[in-house]
Amino acid sequence: MSDEDIVTVVREHCARILKVDPGRVTEDALLREDLEADSLDLAELHVALEDTWGPLPRETLADVRTVGDVLAKARLLLSERA
């Protein structure tokens, strides 16, 4: 999966789950402050990413603050699986 594909998947899931315009889902957007995500939203994001890429460790999104953090975790996990 290319980096562009990873960005597209994360951006689409974030926009859908958080009910925000995809243009607001930038790498430096703060999930809680800028996109108004709560813990249930992050759990739903975790499930959506698992539906796309398979099982993820429970703590995958535990310490993410930005969309860029989510992308970094996704890139790392997918590179480990390659």
C-alpha atoms as a PDB file:
ATOM      1  CA  MET A   1       0.000   0.000   0.000  1.00  0.00           C
ATOM      2  CA  SER A   2       1.426   3.350  -0.985  1.00  0.00           C
ATOM      3  CA  ASP A   3       1.799   6.264   1.391  1.00  0.00           C
ATOM      4  CA  GLU A   4      -0.842   8.116  -0.609  1.00  0.00           C
ATOM      5  CA  ASP A   5      -3.252   5.212  -0.044  1.00  0.00           C
ATOM      6  CA  ILE A   6      -2.583   5.297   3.707  1.00  0.00           C
ATOM      7  CA  VAL A   7      -3.250   9.051   3.837  1.00  0.00           C
ATOM      8  CA  THR A   8      -6.462   8.623   1.849  1.00  0.00           C
ATOM      9  CA  VAL A   9      -7.773   5.836   4.093  1.00  0.00           C
ATOM     10  CA  VAL A  10      -6.996   7.688   7.338  1.00  0.00           C
ATOM     11  CA  ARG A  11      -8.389  10.970   6.026  1.00  0.00           C
ATOM     12  CA  GLU A  12     -11.627   9.356   4.809  1.00  0.00           C
ATOM     13  CA  HIS A  13     -12.178   7.459   8.053  1.00  0.00           C
ATOM     14  CA  CYS A  14     -11.482  10.551  10.157  1.00  0.00           C
ATOM     15  CA  ALA A  15     -13.816  12.730   8.090  1.00  0.00           C
ATOM     16  CA  ARG A  16     -16.620  10.159   8.193  1.00  0.00           C
ATOM     17  CA  ILE A  17     -16.335   9.268  11.878  1.00  0.00           C
ATOM     18  CA  LEU A  18     -15.812  12.828  13.100  1.00  0.00           C
ATOM     19  CA  LYS A  19     -18.353  14.248  10.646  1.00  0.00           C
ATOM     20  CA  VAL A  20     -16.005  16.952   9.401  1.00  0.00           C
ATOM     21  CA  ASP A  21     -15.077  18.213   5.970  1.00  0.00           C
ATOM     22  CA  PRO A  22     -12.151  16.154   4.615  1.00  0.00           C
ATOM     23  CA  GLY A  23     -10.298  19.428   4.030  1.00  0.00           C
ATOM     24  CA  ARG A  24     -10.075  19.889   7.801  1.00  0.00           C
ATOM     25  CA  VAL A  25      -8.329  16.523   8.195  1.00  0.00           C
ATOM     26  CA  THR A  26      -4.734  17.700   7.816  1.00  0.00           C
ATOM     27  CA  GLU A  27      -1.633  16.116   9.310  1.00  0.00           C
ATOM     28  CA  ASP A  28      -1.314  18.845  11.933  1.00  0.00           C
ATOM     29  CA  ALA A  29      -5.017  18.871  12.907  1.00  0.00           C
ATOM     30  CA  LEU A  30      -5.470  18.067  16.591  1.00  0.00           C
ATOM     31  CA  LEU A  31      -7.985  15.258  16.914  1.00  0.00           C
ATOM     32  CA  ARG A  32      -9.635  16.430  20.125  1.00  0.00           C
ATOM     33  CA  GLU A  33      -9.218  20.188  19.889  1.00  0.00           C
ATOM     34  CA  ASP A  34      -9.572  20.882  16.148  1.00  0.00           C
ATOM     35  CA  LEU A  35     -11.738  17.961  15.041  1.00  0.00           C
ATOM     36  CA  GLU A  36     -13.640  17.519  18.330  1.00  0.00           C
ATOM     37  CA  ALA A  37     -12.940  13.792  18.644  1.00  0.00           C
ATOM     38  CA  ASP A  38     -13.775  12.068  21.907  1.00  0.00           C
ATOM     39  CA  SER A  39     -12.717   8.672  23.218  1.00  0.00           C
ATOM     40  CA  LEU A  40     -15.618   6.911  21.488  1.00  0.00           C
ATOM     41  CA  ASP A  41     -14.642   8.506  18.174  1.00  0.00           C
ATOM     42  CA  LEU A  42     -11.076   7.259  18.602  1.00  0.00           C
ATOM     43  CA  ALA A  43     -12.361   3.763  19.414  1.00  0.00           C
ATOM     44  CA  GLU A  44     -14.500   3.876  16.268  1.00  0.00           C
ATOM     45  CA  LEU A  45     -11.477   5.039  14.265  1.00  0.00           C
ATOM     46  CA  HIS A  46      -9.483   2.099  15.654  1.00  0.00           C
ATOM     47  CA  VAL A  47     -12.212  -0.324  14.545  1.00  0.00           C
ATOM     48  CA  ALA A  48     -12.426   1.287  11.087  1.00  0.00           C
ATOM     49  CA  LEU A  49      -8.664   0.962  10.638  1.00  0.00           C
ATOM     50  CA  GLU A  50      -8.839  -2.682  11.742  1.00  0.00           C
ATOM     51  CA  ASP A  51     -11.593  -3.287   9.184  1.00  0.00           C
ATOM     52  CA  THR A  52      -9.236  -1.895   6.544  1.00  0.00           C
ATOM     53  CA  TRP A  53      -5.886  -3.352   7.625  1.00  0.00           C
ATOM     54  CA  GLY A  54      -6.644  -6.200  10.024  1.00  0.00           C
ATOM     55  CA  PRO A  55      -6.075  -6.482  13.769  1.00  0.00           C
ATOM     56  CA  LEU A  56      -4.193  -3.631  15.451  1.00  0.00           C
ATOM     57  CA  PRO A  57      -2.744  -3.628  18.948  1.00  0.00           C
ATOM     58  CA  ARG A  58      -5.197  -2.171  21.460  1.00  0.00           C
ATOM     59  CA  GLU A  59      -2.813   0.658  22.373  1.00  0.00           C
ATOM     60  CA  THR A  60      -2.309   1.759  18.744  1.00  0.00           C
ATOM     61  CA  LEU A  61      -4.219   5.030  19.110  1.00  0.00           C
ATOM     62  CA  ALA A  62      -3.750   5.493  22.853  1.00  0.00           C
ATOM     63  CA  ASP A  63      -1.310   8.388  22.631  1.00  0.00           C
ATOM     64  CA  VAL A  64      -2.220  10.040  19.322  1.00  0.00           C
ATOM     65  CA  ARG A  65      -2.914  13.774  19.346  1.00  0.00           C
ATOM     66  CA  THR A  66      -2.938  14.691  15.663  1.00  0.00           C
ATOM     67  CA  VAL A  67      -3.961  13.160  12.372  1.00  0.00           C
ATOM     68  CA  GLY A  68      -0.236  13.010  11.635  1.00  0.00           C
ATOM     69  CA  ASP A  69       0.216  10.801  14.711  1.00  0.00           C
ATOM     70  CA  VAL A  70      -2.414   8.405  13.356  1.00  0.00           C
ATOM     71  CA  LEU A  71      -0.648   8.371   9.996  1.00  0.00           C
ATOM     72  CA  ALA A  72       2.714   7.681  11.653  1.00  0.00           C
ATOM     73  CA  LYS A  73       1.245   4.733  13.585  1.00  0.00           C
ATOM     74  CA  ALA A  74      -0.404   3.371  10.426  1.00  0.00           C
ATOM     75  CA  ARG A  75       2.800   3.709   8.416  1.00  0.00           C
ATOM     76  CA  LEU A  76       4.824   1.953  11.114  1.00  0.00           C
ATOM     77  CA  LEU A  77       2.384  -0.906  11.565  1.00  0.00           C
ATOM     78  CA  LEU A  78       1.996  -1.464   7.835  1.00  0.00           C
ATOM     79  CA  SER A  79       5.746  -1.383   7.260  1.00  0.00           C
ATOM     80  CA  GLU A  80       6.201  -4.000   9.990  1.00  0.00           C
ATOM     81  CA  ARG A  81       3.713  -6.256   8.225  1.00  0.00           C
ATOM     82  CA  ALA A  82       5.353  -5.925   4.821  1.00  0.00           C
END
